[in-house]
Amino acid sequence: MMEGLNPEILQEICEVRMPFGKHKDMILADLPISYLEWFQSQGMPKGKLGMQLSTIYEIKINGLMDLLIPIRGKISHQKPKNKVYKF
């Protein structure tokens, strides 16, 4: 795990929604990397939101999204089983 990473921050980025802009109301962890890269180049917002966006940006560019699996619940990557209907 990343040094000094607060588990509460991970919880927050899986629950908090983007309060404004193109992706308003999207969970921070679901924001596209291109949007996070734009913020990184323009300057992250001040305060807690900027810290949360910086955290999810670092997680995504370093391929660490698996850190969020225990928080978000495991997502099944199996194909859904076909239902067989008997008449």
PDB file of N, CA and C in Angstrom:
ATOM      1  N   MET A   1       0.839  -1.183   0.000  1.00  0.00           N
ATOM      2  CA  MET A   1       0.000   0.000   0.000  1.00  0.00           C
ATOM      3  C   MET A   1       0.882   1.243   0.000  1.00  0.00           C
ATOM      4  N   MET A   2       0.354   2.331  -0.519  1.00  0.00           N
ATOM      5  CA  MET A   2       1.126   3.564  -0.609  1.00  0.00           C
ATOM      6  C   MET A   2       1.426   4.086   0.795  1.00  0.00           C
ATOM      7  N   GLU A   3       2.642   4.554   0.984  1.00  0.00           N
ATOM      8  CA  GLU A   3       3.074   5.030   2.290  1.00  0.00           C
ATOM      9  C   GLU A   3       2.254   6.237   2.725  1.00  0.00           C
ATOM     10  N   GLY A   4       1.753   6.199   3.943  1.00  0.00           N
ATOM     11  CA  GLY A   4       1.024   7.327   4.499  1.00  0.00           C
ATOM     12  C   GLY A   4      -0.384   7.500   3.948  1.00  0.00           C
ATOM     13  N   LEU A   5      -0.883   6.508   3.225  1.00  0.00           N
ATOM     14  CA  LEU A   5      -2.220   6.633   2.641  1.00  0.00           C
ATOM     15  C   LEU A   5      -3.273   6.345   3.697  1.00  0.00           C
ATOM     16  N   ASN A   6      -4.163   7.287   3.878  1.00  0.00           N
ATOM     17  CA  ASN A   6      -5.211   7.187   4.874  1.00  0.00           C
ATOM     18  C   ASN A   6      -6.385   6.398   4.286  1.00  0.00           C
ATOM     19  N   PRO A   7      -6.794   5.281   4.931  1.00  0.00           N
ATOM     20  CA  PRO A   7      -7.913   4.497   4.405  1.00  0.00           C
ATOM     21  C   PRO A   7      -9.211   5.299   4.289  1.00  0.00           C
ATOM     22  N   GLU A   8      -9.360   6.314   5.125  1.00  0.00           N
ATOM     23  CA  GLU A   8     -10.564   7.151   5.037  1.00  0.00           C
ATOM     24  C   GLU A   8     -10.625   7.890   3.712  1.00  0.00           C
ATOM     25  N   ILE A   9      -9.464   8.276   3.183  1.00  0.00           N
ATOM     26  CA  ILE A   9      -9.427   8.956   1.886  1.00  0.00           C
ATOM     27  C   ILE A   9      -9.889   8.009   0.790  1.00  0.00           C
ATOM     28  N   LEU A  10      -9.451   6.760   0.853  1.00  0.00           N
ATOM     29  CA  LEU A  10      -9.895   5.771  -0.137  1.00  0.00           C
ATOM     30  C   LEU A  10     -11.405   5.592  -0.072  1.00  0.00           C
ATOM     31  N   GLN A  11     -11.930   5.528   1.138  1.00  0.00           N
ATOM     32  CA  GLN A  11     -13.386   5.406   1.320  1.00  0.00           C
ATOM     33  C   GLN A  11     -14.102   6.600   0.702  1.00  0.00           C
ATOM     34  N   GLU A  12     -13.576   7.786   0.961  1.00  0.00           N
ATOM     35  CA  GLU A  12     -14.204   9.006   0.453  1.00  0.00           C
ATOM     36  C   GLU A  12     -14.215   9.054  -1.069  1.00  0.00           C
ATOM     37  N   ILE A  13     -13.103   8.691  -1.719  1.00  0.00           N
ATOM     38  CA  ILE A  13     -13.078   8.792  -3.179  1.00  0.00           C
ATOM     39  C   ILE A  13     -13.974   7.743  -3.847  1.00  0.00           C
ATOM     40  N   CYS A  14     -14.414   6.761  -3.072  1.00  0.00           N
ATOM     41  CA  CYS A  14     -15.368   5.770  -3.585  1.00  0.00           C
ATOM     42  C   CYS A  14     -16.816   6.169  -3.310  1.00  0.00           C
ATOM     43  N   GLU A  15     -17.017   7.229  -2.541  1.00  0.00           N
ATOM     44  CA  GLU A  15     -18.377   7.645  -2.174  1.00  0.00           C
ATOM     45  C   GLU A  15     -18.711   9.072  -2.609  1.00  0.00           C
ATOM     46  N   VAL A  16     -17.703   9.962  -2.565  1.00  0.00           N
ATOM     47  CA  VAL A  16     -17.936  11.382  -2.850  1.00  0.00           C
ATOM     48  C   VAL A  16     -18.136  11.577  -4.346  1.00  0.00           C
ATOM     49  N   ARG A  17     -19.069  12.465  -4.680  1.00  0.00           N
ATOM     50  CA  ARG A  17     -19.362  12.766  -6.083  1.00  0.00           C
ATOM     51  C   ARG A  17     -18.748  14.096  -6.479  1.00  0.00           C
ATOM     52  N   MET A  18     -18.373  14.192  -7.748  1.00  0.00           N
ATOM     53  CA  MET A  18     -17.808  15.430  -8.277  1.00  0.00           C
ATOM     54  C   MET A  18     -18.870  16.525  -8.154  1.00  0.00           C
ATOM     55  N   PRO A  19     -18.547  17.636  -7.484  1.00  0.00           N
ATOM     56  CA  PRO A  19     -19.567  18.653  -7.210  1.00  0.00           C
ATOM     57  C   PRO A  19     -19.857  19.622  -8.355  1.00  0.00           C
ATOM     58  N   PHE A  20     -19.052  19.599  -9.422  1.00  0.00           N
ATOM     59  CA  PHE A  20     -19.253  20.573 -10.502  1.00  0.00           C
ATOM     60  C   PHE A  20     -18.621  20.054 -11.787  1.00  0.00           C
ATOM     61  N   GLY A  21     -18.860  20.787 -12.861  1.00  0.00           N
ATOM     62  CA  GLY A  21     -18.164  20.536 -14.125  1.00  0.00           C
ATOM     63  C   GLY A  21     -18.786  19.470 -14.996  1.00  0.00           C
ATOM     64  N   LYS A  22     -18.017  19.083 -15.985  1.00  0.00           N
ATOM     65  CA  LYS A  22     -18.449  18.137 -17.013  1.00  0.00           C
ATOM     66  C   LYS A  22     -18.930  16.814 -16.428  1.00  0.00           C
ATOM     67  N   HIS A  23     -18.307  16.383 -15.353  1.00  0.00           N
ATOM     68  CA  HIS A  23     -18.626  15.083 -14.748  1.00  0.00           C
ATOM     69  C   HIS A  23     -19.300  15.250 -13.386  1.00  0.00           C
ATOM     70  N   LYS A  24     -20.102  16.308 -13.261  1.00  0.00           N
ATOM     71  CA  LYS A  24     -20.829  16.568 -12.006  1.00  0.00           C
ATOM     72  C   LYS A  24     -21.633  15.327 -11.618  1.00  0.00           C
ATOM     73  N   ASP A  25     -21.621  15.007 -10.339  1.00  0.00           N
ATOM     74  CA  ASP A  25     -22.358  13.885  -9.740  1.00  0.00           C
ATOM     75  C   ASP A  25     -21.746  12.510 -10.005  1.00  0.00           C
ATOM     76  N   MET A  26     -20.588  12.440 -10.671  1.00  0.00           N
ATOM     77  CA  MET A  26     -19.914  11.161 -10.865  1.00  0.00           C
ATOM     78  C   MET A  26     -19.041  10.880  -9.635  1.00  0.00           C
ATOM     79  N   ILE A  27     -19.025   9.619  -9.191  1.00  0.00           N
ATOM     80  CA  ILE A  27     -18.154   9.213  -8.079  1.00  0.00           C
ATOM     81  C   ILE A  27     -16.701   9.528  -8.478  1.00  0.00           C
ATOM     82  N   LEU A  28     -15.939  10.102  -7.562  1.00  0.00           N
ATOM     83  CA  LEU A  28     -14.567  10.516  -7.878  1.00  0.00           C
ATOM     84  C   LEU A  28     -13.730   9.369  -8.442  1.00  0.00           C
ATOM     85  N   ALA A  29     -13.878   8.180  -7.887  1.00  0.00           N
ATOM     86  CA  ALA A  29     -13.098   7.034  -8.358  1.00  0.00           C
ATOM     87  C   ALA A  29     -13.442   6.647  -9.791  1.00  0.00           C
ATOM     88  N   ASP A  30     -14.602   7.090 -10.292  1.00  0.00           N
ATOM     89  CA  ASP A  30     -15.030   6.746 -11.652  1.00  0.00           C
ATOM     90  C   ASP A  30     -14.689   7.817 -12.681  1.00  0.00           C
ATOM     91  N   LEU A  31     -14.093   8.915 -12.237  1.00  0.00           N
ATOM     92  CA  LEU A  31     -13.745   9.980 -13.182  1.00  0.00           C
ATOM     93  C   LEU A  31     -12.733   9.463 -14.198  1.00  0.00           C
ATOM     94  N   PRO A  32     -12.894   9.849 -15.473  1.00  0.00           N
ATOM     95  CA  PRO A  32     -11.933   9.389 -16.485  1.00  0.00           C
ATOM     96  C   PRO A  32     -10.547   9.988 -16.243  1.00  0.00           C
ATOM     97  N   ILE A  33      -9.525   9.219 -16.581  1.00  0.00           N
ATOM     98  CA  ILE A  33      -8.151   9.662 -16.375  1.00  0.00           C
ATOM     99  C   ILE A  33      -7.877  10.949 -17.154  1.00  0.00           C
ATOM    100  N   SER A  34      -8.494  11.113 -18.314  1.00  0.00           N
ATOM    101  CA  SER A  34      -8.267  12.326 -19.106  1.00  0.00           C
ATOM    102  C   SER A  34      -8.714  13.578 -18.352  1.00  0.00           C
ATOM    103  N   TYR A  35      -9.806  13.465 -17.603  1.00  0.00           N
ATOM    104  CA  TYR A  35     -10.311  14.588 -16.800  1.00  0.00           C
ATOM    105  C   TYR A  35      -9.354  14.885 -15.647  1.00  0.00           C
ATOM    106  N   LEU A  36      -8.847  13.830 -15.027  1.00  0.00           N
ATOM    107  CA  LEU A  36      -7.890  13.996 -13.928  1.00  0.00           C
ATOM    108  C   LEU A  36      -6.571  14.573 -14.445  1.00  0.00           C
ATOM    109  N   GLU A  37      -6.158  14.156 -15.642  1.00  0.00           N
ATOM    110  CA  GLU A  37      -4.942  14.707 -16.247  1.00  0.00           C
ATOM    111  C   GLU A  37      -5.119  16.193 -16.537  1.00  0.00           C
ATOM    112  N   TRP A  38      -6.314  16.570 -16.980  1.00  0.00           N
ATOM    113  CA  TRP A  38      -6.596  17.979 -17.248  1.00  0.00           C
ATOM    114  C   TRP A  38      -6.457  18.793 -15.966  1.00  0.00           C
ATOM    115  N   PHE A  39      -7.046  18.310 -14.882  1.00  0.00           N
ATOM    116  CA  PHE A  39      -6.903  18.997 -13.593  1.00  0.00           C
ATOM    117  C   PHE A  39      -5.437  19.080 -13.182  1.00  0.00           C
ATOM    118  N   GLN A  40      -4.700  17.995 -13.383  1.00  0.00           N
ATOM    119  CA  GLN A  40      -3.291  17.962 -13.009  1.00  0.00           C
ATOM    120  C   GLN A  40      -2.517  19.050 -13.763  1.00  0.00           C
ATOM    121  N   SER A  41      -2.835  19.236 -15.034  1.00  0.00           N
ATOM    122  CA  SER A  41      -2.111  20.237 -15.837  1.00  0.00           C
ATOM    123  C   SER A  41      -2.575  21.662 -15.532  1.00  0.00           C
ATOM    124  N   GLN A  42      -3.846  21.834 -15.183  1.00  0.00           N
ATOM    125  CA  GLN A  42      -4.408  23.161 -14.922  1.00  0.00           C
ATOM    126  C   GLN A  42      -4.265  23.589 -13.466  1.00  0.00           C
ATOM    127  N   GLY A  43      -4.082  22.604 -12.607  1.00  0.00           N
ATOM    128  CA  GLY A  43      -4.036  22.866 -11.170  1.00  0.00           C
ATOM    129  C   GLY A  43      -5.272  22.272 -10.510  1.00  0.00           C
ATOM    130  N   MET A  44      -5.036  21.423  -9.547  1.00  0.00           N
ATOM    131  CA  MET A  44      -6.141  20.785  -8.819  1.00  0.00           C
ATOM    132  C   MET A  44      -6.881  21.844  -7.995  1.00  0.00           C
ATOM    133  N   PRO A  45      -8.181  21.611  -7.749  1.00  0.00           N
ATOM    134  CA  PRO A  45      -8.916  22.538  -6.875  1.00  0.00           C
ATOM    135  C   PRO A  45      -8.265  22.588  -5.493  1.00  0.00           C
ATOM    136  N   LYS A  46      -8.507  23.643  -4.793  1.00  0.00           N
ATOM    137  CA  LYS A  46      -7.953  23.804  -3.439  1.00  0.00           C
ATOM    138  C   LYS A  46      -8.736  22.931  -2.460  1.00  0.00           C
ATOM    139  N   GLY A  47      -8.116  22.655  -1.341  1.00  0.00           N
ATOM    140  CA  GLY A  47      -8.797  21.981  -0.240  1.00  0.00           C
ATOM    141  C   GLY A  47      -8.925  20.482  -0.401  1.00  0.00           C
ATOM    142  N   LYS A  48      -9.927  19.950   0.289  1.00  0.00           N
ATOM    143  CA  LYS A  48     -10.125  18.498   0.370  1.00  0.00           C
ATOM    144  C   LYS A  48     -10.398  17.873  -0.990  1.00  0.00           C
ATOM    145  N   LEU A  49     -11.213  18.541  -1.828  1.00  0.00           N
ATOM    146  CA  LEU A  49     -11.517  17.987  -3.146  1.00  0.00           C
ATOM    147  C   LEU A  49     -10.241  17.820  -3.971  1.00  0.00           C
ATOM    148  N   GLY A  50      -9.375  18.809  -3.940  1.00  0.00           N
ATOM    149  CA  GLY A  50      -8.114  18.719  -4.676  1.00  0.00           C
ATOM    150  C   GLY A  50      -7.264  17.557  -4.200  1.00  0.00           C
ATOM    151  N   MET A  51      -7.246  17.333  -2.888  1.00  0.00           N
ATOM    152  CA  MET A  51      -6.492  16.214  -2.325  1.00  0.00           C
ATOM    153  C   MET A  51      -7.114  14.886  -2.774  1.00  0.00           C
ATOM    154  N   GLN A  52      -8.442  14.817  -2.779  1.00  0.00           N
ATOM    155  CA  GLN A  52      -9.113  13.587  -3.215  1.00  0.00           C
ATOM    156  C   GLN A  52      -8.851  13.322  -4.699  1.00  0.00           C
ATOM    157  N   LEU A  53      -8.940  14.361  -5.531  1.00  0.00           N
ATOM    158  CA  LEU A  53      -8.685  14.198  -6.963  1.00  0.00           C
ATOM    159  C   LEU A  53      -7.235  13.821  -7.224  1.00  0.00           C
ATOM    160  N   SER A  54      -6.305  14.414  -6.486  1.00  0.00           N
ATOM    161  CA  SER A  54      -4.887  14.064  -6.628  1.00  0.00           C
ATOM    162  C   SER A  54      -4.649  12.604  -6.251  1.00  0.00           C
ATOM    163  N   THR A  55      -5.346  12.152  -5.219  1.00  0.00           N
ATOM    164  CA  THR A  55      -5.197  10.762  -4.769  1.00  0.00           C
ATOM    165  C   THR A  55      -5.693   9.792  -5.829  1.00  0.00           C
ATOM    166  N   ILE A  56      -6.886  10.021  -6.375  1.00  0.00           N
ATOM    167  CA  ILE A  56      -7.413   9.099  -7.375  1.00  0.00           C
ATOM    168  C   ILE A  56      -6.586   9.177  -8.658  1.00  0.00           C
ATOM    169  N   TYR A  57      -6.066  10.353  -8.974  1.00  0.00           N
ATOM    170  CA  TYR A  57      -5.177  10.500 -10.137  1.00  0.00           C
ATOM    171  C   TYR A  57      -3.939   9.612  -9.961  1.00  0.00           C
ATOM    172  N   GLU A  58      -3.296   9.691  -8.804  1.00  0.00           N
ATOM    173  CA  GLU A  58      -2.100   8.881  -8.538  1.00  0.00           C
ATOM    174  C   GLU A  58      -2.422   7.388  -8.560  1.00  0.00           C
ATOM    175  N   ILE A  59      -3.564   7.026  -7.999  1.00  0.00           N
ATOM    176  CA  ILE A  59      -3.982   5.615  -7.998  1.00  0.00           C
ATOM    177  C   ILE A  59      -4.144   5.125  -9.436  1.00  0.00           C
ATOM    178  N   LYS A  60      -4.812   5.915 -10.273  1.00  0.00           N
ATOM    179  CA  LYS A  60      -5.068   5.488 -11.653  1.00  0.00           C
ATOM    180  C   LYS A  60      -3.792   5.436 -12.488  1.00  0.00           C
ATOM    181  N   ILE A  61      -2.934   6.463 -12.407  1.00  0.00           N
ATOM    182  CA  ILE A  61      -1.739   6.451 -13.266  1.00  0.00           C
ATOM    183  C   ILE A  61      -0.739   5.377 -12.838  1.00  0.00           C
ATOM    184  N   ASN A  62      -0.825   4.935 -11.601  1.00  0.00           N
ATOM    185  CA  ASN A  62       0.076   3.889 -11.113  1.00  0.00           C
ATOM    186  C   ASN A  62      -0.540   2.495 -11.141  1.00  0.00           C
ATOM    187  N   GLY A  63      -1.732   2.378 -11.735  1.00  0.00           N
ATOM    188  CA  GLY A  63      -2.363   1.064 -11.872  1.00  0.00           C
ATOM    189  C   GLY A  63      -2.751   0.429 -10.559  1.00  0.00           C
ATOM    190  N   LEU A  64      -3.186   1.250  -9.601  1.00  0.00           N
ATOM    191  CA  LEU A  64      -3.485   0.735  -8.265  1.00  0.00           C
ATOM    192  C   LEU A  64      -4.980   0.690  -7.944  1.00  0.00           C
ATOM    193  N   MET A  65      -5.818   0.635  -8.970  1.00  0.00           N
ATOM    194  CA  MET A  65      -7.263   0.621  -8.723  1.00  0.00           C
ATOM    195  C   MET A  65      -7.700  -0.581  -7.882  1.00  0.00           C
ATOM    196  N   ASP A  66      -6.880  -1.641  -7.871  1.00  0.00           N
ATOM    197  CA  ASP A  66      -7.204  -2.807  -7.040  1.00  0.00           C
ATOM    198  C   ASP A  66      -7.260  -2.455  -5.553  1.00  0.00           C
ATOM    199  N   LEU A  67      -6.604  -1.358  -5.165  1.00  0.00           N
ATOM    200  CA  LEU A  67      -6.692  -0.917  -3.762  1.00  0.00           C
ATOM    201  C   LEU A  67      -8.132  -0.630  -3.360  1.00  0.00           C
ATOM    202  N   LEU A  68      -8.952  -0.280  -4.340  1.00  0.00           N
ATOM    203  CA  LEU A  68     -10.331   0.119  -4.050  1.00  0.00           C
ATOM    204  C   LEU A  68     -11.307  -1.053  -4.031  1.00  0.00           C
ATOM    205  N   ILE A  69     -10.867  -2.223  -4.471  1.00  0.00           N
ATOM    206  CA  ILE A  69     -11.779  -3.382  -4.544  1.00  0.00           C
ATOM    207  C   ILE A  69     -12.400  -3.712  -3.187  1.00  0.00           C
ATOM    208  N   PRO A  70     -11.606  -3.787  -2.107  1.00  0.00           N
ATOM    209  CA  PRO A  70     -12.248  -4.118  -0.821  1.00  0.00           C
ATOM    210  C   PRO A  70     -13.264  -3.071  -0.382  1.00  0.00           C
ATOM    211  N   ILE A  71     -13.073  -1.846  -0.812  1.00  0.00           N
ATOM    212  CA  ILE A  71     -13.975  -0.767  -0.417  1.00  0.00           C
ATOM    213  C   ILE A  71     -15.237  -0.782  -1.267  1.00  0.00           C
ATOM    214  N   ARG A  72     -15.077  -0.959  -2.544  1.00  0.00           N
ATOM    215  CA  ARG A  72     -16.215  -0.895  -3.466  1.00  0.00           C
ATOM    216  C   ARG A  72     -16.951  -2.222  -3.581  1.00  0.00           C
ATOM    217  N   GLY A  73     -16.365  -3.273  -3.079  1.00  0.00           N
ATOM    218  CA  GLY A  73     -16.955  -4.595  -3.249  1.00  0.00           C
ATOM    219  C   GLY A  73     -16.372  -5.215  -4.499  1.00  0.00           C
ATOM    220  N   LYS A  74     -16.195  -6.472  -4.476  1.00  0.00           N
ATOM    221  CA  LYS A  74     -15.599  -7.136  -5.631  1.00  0.00           C
ATOM    222  C   LYS A  74     -16.579  -7.115  -6.793  1.00  0.00           C
ATOM    223  N   ILE A  75     -16.040  -6.760  -7.945  1.00  0.00           N
ATOM    224  CA  ILE A  75     -16.846  -6.716  -9.164  1.00  0.00           C
ATOM    225  C   ILE A  75     -16.566  -7.997  -9.920  1.00  0.00           C
ATOM    226  N   SER A  76     -17.609  -8.704 -10.240  1.00  0.00           N
ATOM    227  CA  SER A  76     -17.450  -9.965 -10.943  1.00  0.00           C
ATOM    228  C   SER A  76     -17.088  -9.693 -12.400  1.00  0.00           C
ATOM    229  N   HIS A  77     -16.030 -10.363 -12.856  1.00  0.00           N
ATOM    230  CA  HIS A  77     -15.629 -10.228 -14.251  1.00  0.00           C
ATOM    231  C   HIS A  77     -16.047 -11.464 -15.048  1.00  0.00           C
ATOM    232  N   GLN A  78     -16.859 -12.315 -14.422  1.00  0.00           N
ATOM    233  CA  GLN A  78     -17.321 -13.509 -15.110  1.00  0.00           C
ATOM    234  C   GLN A  78     -18.494 -13.134 -16.007  1.00  0.00           C
ATOM    235  N   LYS A  79     -18.607 -13.895 -17.095  1.00  0.00           N
ATOM    236  CA  LYS A  79     -19.752 -13.680 -17.966  1.00  0.00           C
ATOM    237  C   LYS A  79     -21.002 -14.118 -17.210  1.00  0.00           C
ATOM    238  N   PRO A  80     -22.094 -13.364 -17.383  1.00  0.00           N
ATOM    239  CA  PRO A  80     -23.316 -13.796 -16.720  1.00  0.00           C
ATOM    240  C   PRO A  80     -23.770 -15.136 -17.290  1.00  0.00           C
ATOM    241  N   LYS A  81     -24.274 -15.970 -16.408  1.00  0.00           N
ATOM    242  CA  LYS A  81     -24.746 -17.282 -16.852  1.00  0.00           C
ATOM    243  C   LYS A  81     -26.036 -17.098 -17.648  1.00  0.00           C
ATOM    244  N   ASN A  82     -26.112 -17.851 -18.724  1.00  0.00           N
ATOM    245  CA  ASN A  82     -27.334 -17.802 -19.522  1.00  0.00           C
ATOM    246  C   ASN A  82     -28.424 -18.569 -18.793  1.00  0.00           C
ATOM    247  N   LYS A  83     -29.570 -17.954 -18.702  1.00  0.00           N
ATOM    248  CA  LYS A  83     -30.697 -18.644 -18.073  1.00  0.00           C
ATOM    249  C   LYS A  83     -31.318 -19.594 -19.087  1.00  0.00           C
ATOM    250  N   VAL A  84     -31.639 -20.753 -18.626  1.00  0.00           N
ATOM    251  CA  VAL A  84     -32.303 -21.720 -19.482  1.00  0.00           C
ATOM    252  C   VAL A  84     -33.749 -21.791 -19.043  1.00  0.00           C
ATOM    253  N   TYR A  85     -34.621 -21.500 -19.956  1.00  0.00           N
ATOM    254  CA  TYR A  85     -36.054 -21.539 -19.656  1.00  0.00           C
ATOM    255  C   TYR A  85     -36.616 -22.842 -20.207  1.00  0.00           C
ATOM    256  N   LYS A  86     -37.262 -23.599 -19.335  1.00  0.00           N
ATOM    257  CA  LYS A  86     -37.887 -24.855 -19.773  1.00  0.00           C
ATOM    258  C   LYS A  86     -39.374 -24.635 -19.800  1.00  0.00           C
ATOM    259  N   PHE A  87     -39.980 -24.987 -20.929  1.00  0.00           N
ATOM    260  CA  PHE A  87     -41.438 -24.804 -21.091  1.00  0.00           C
ATOM    261  C   PHE A  87     -42.135 -26.130 -21.105  1.00  0.00           C
TER     262      PHE A  87
END
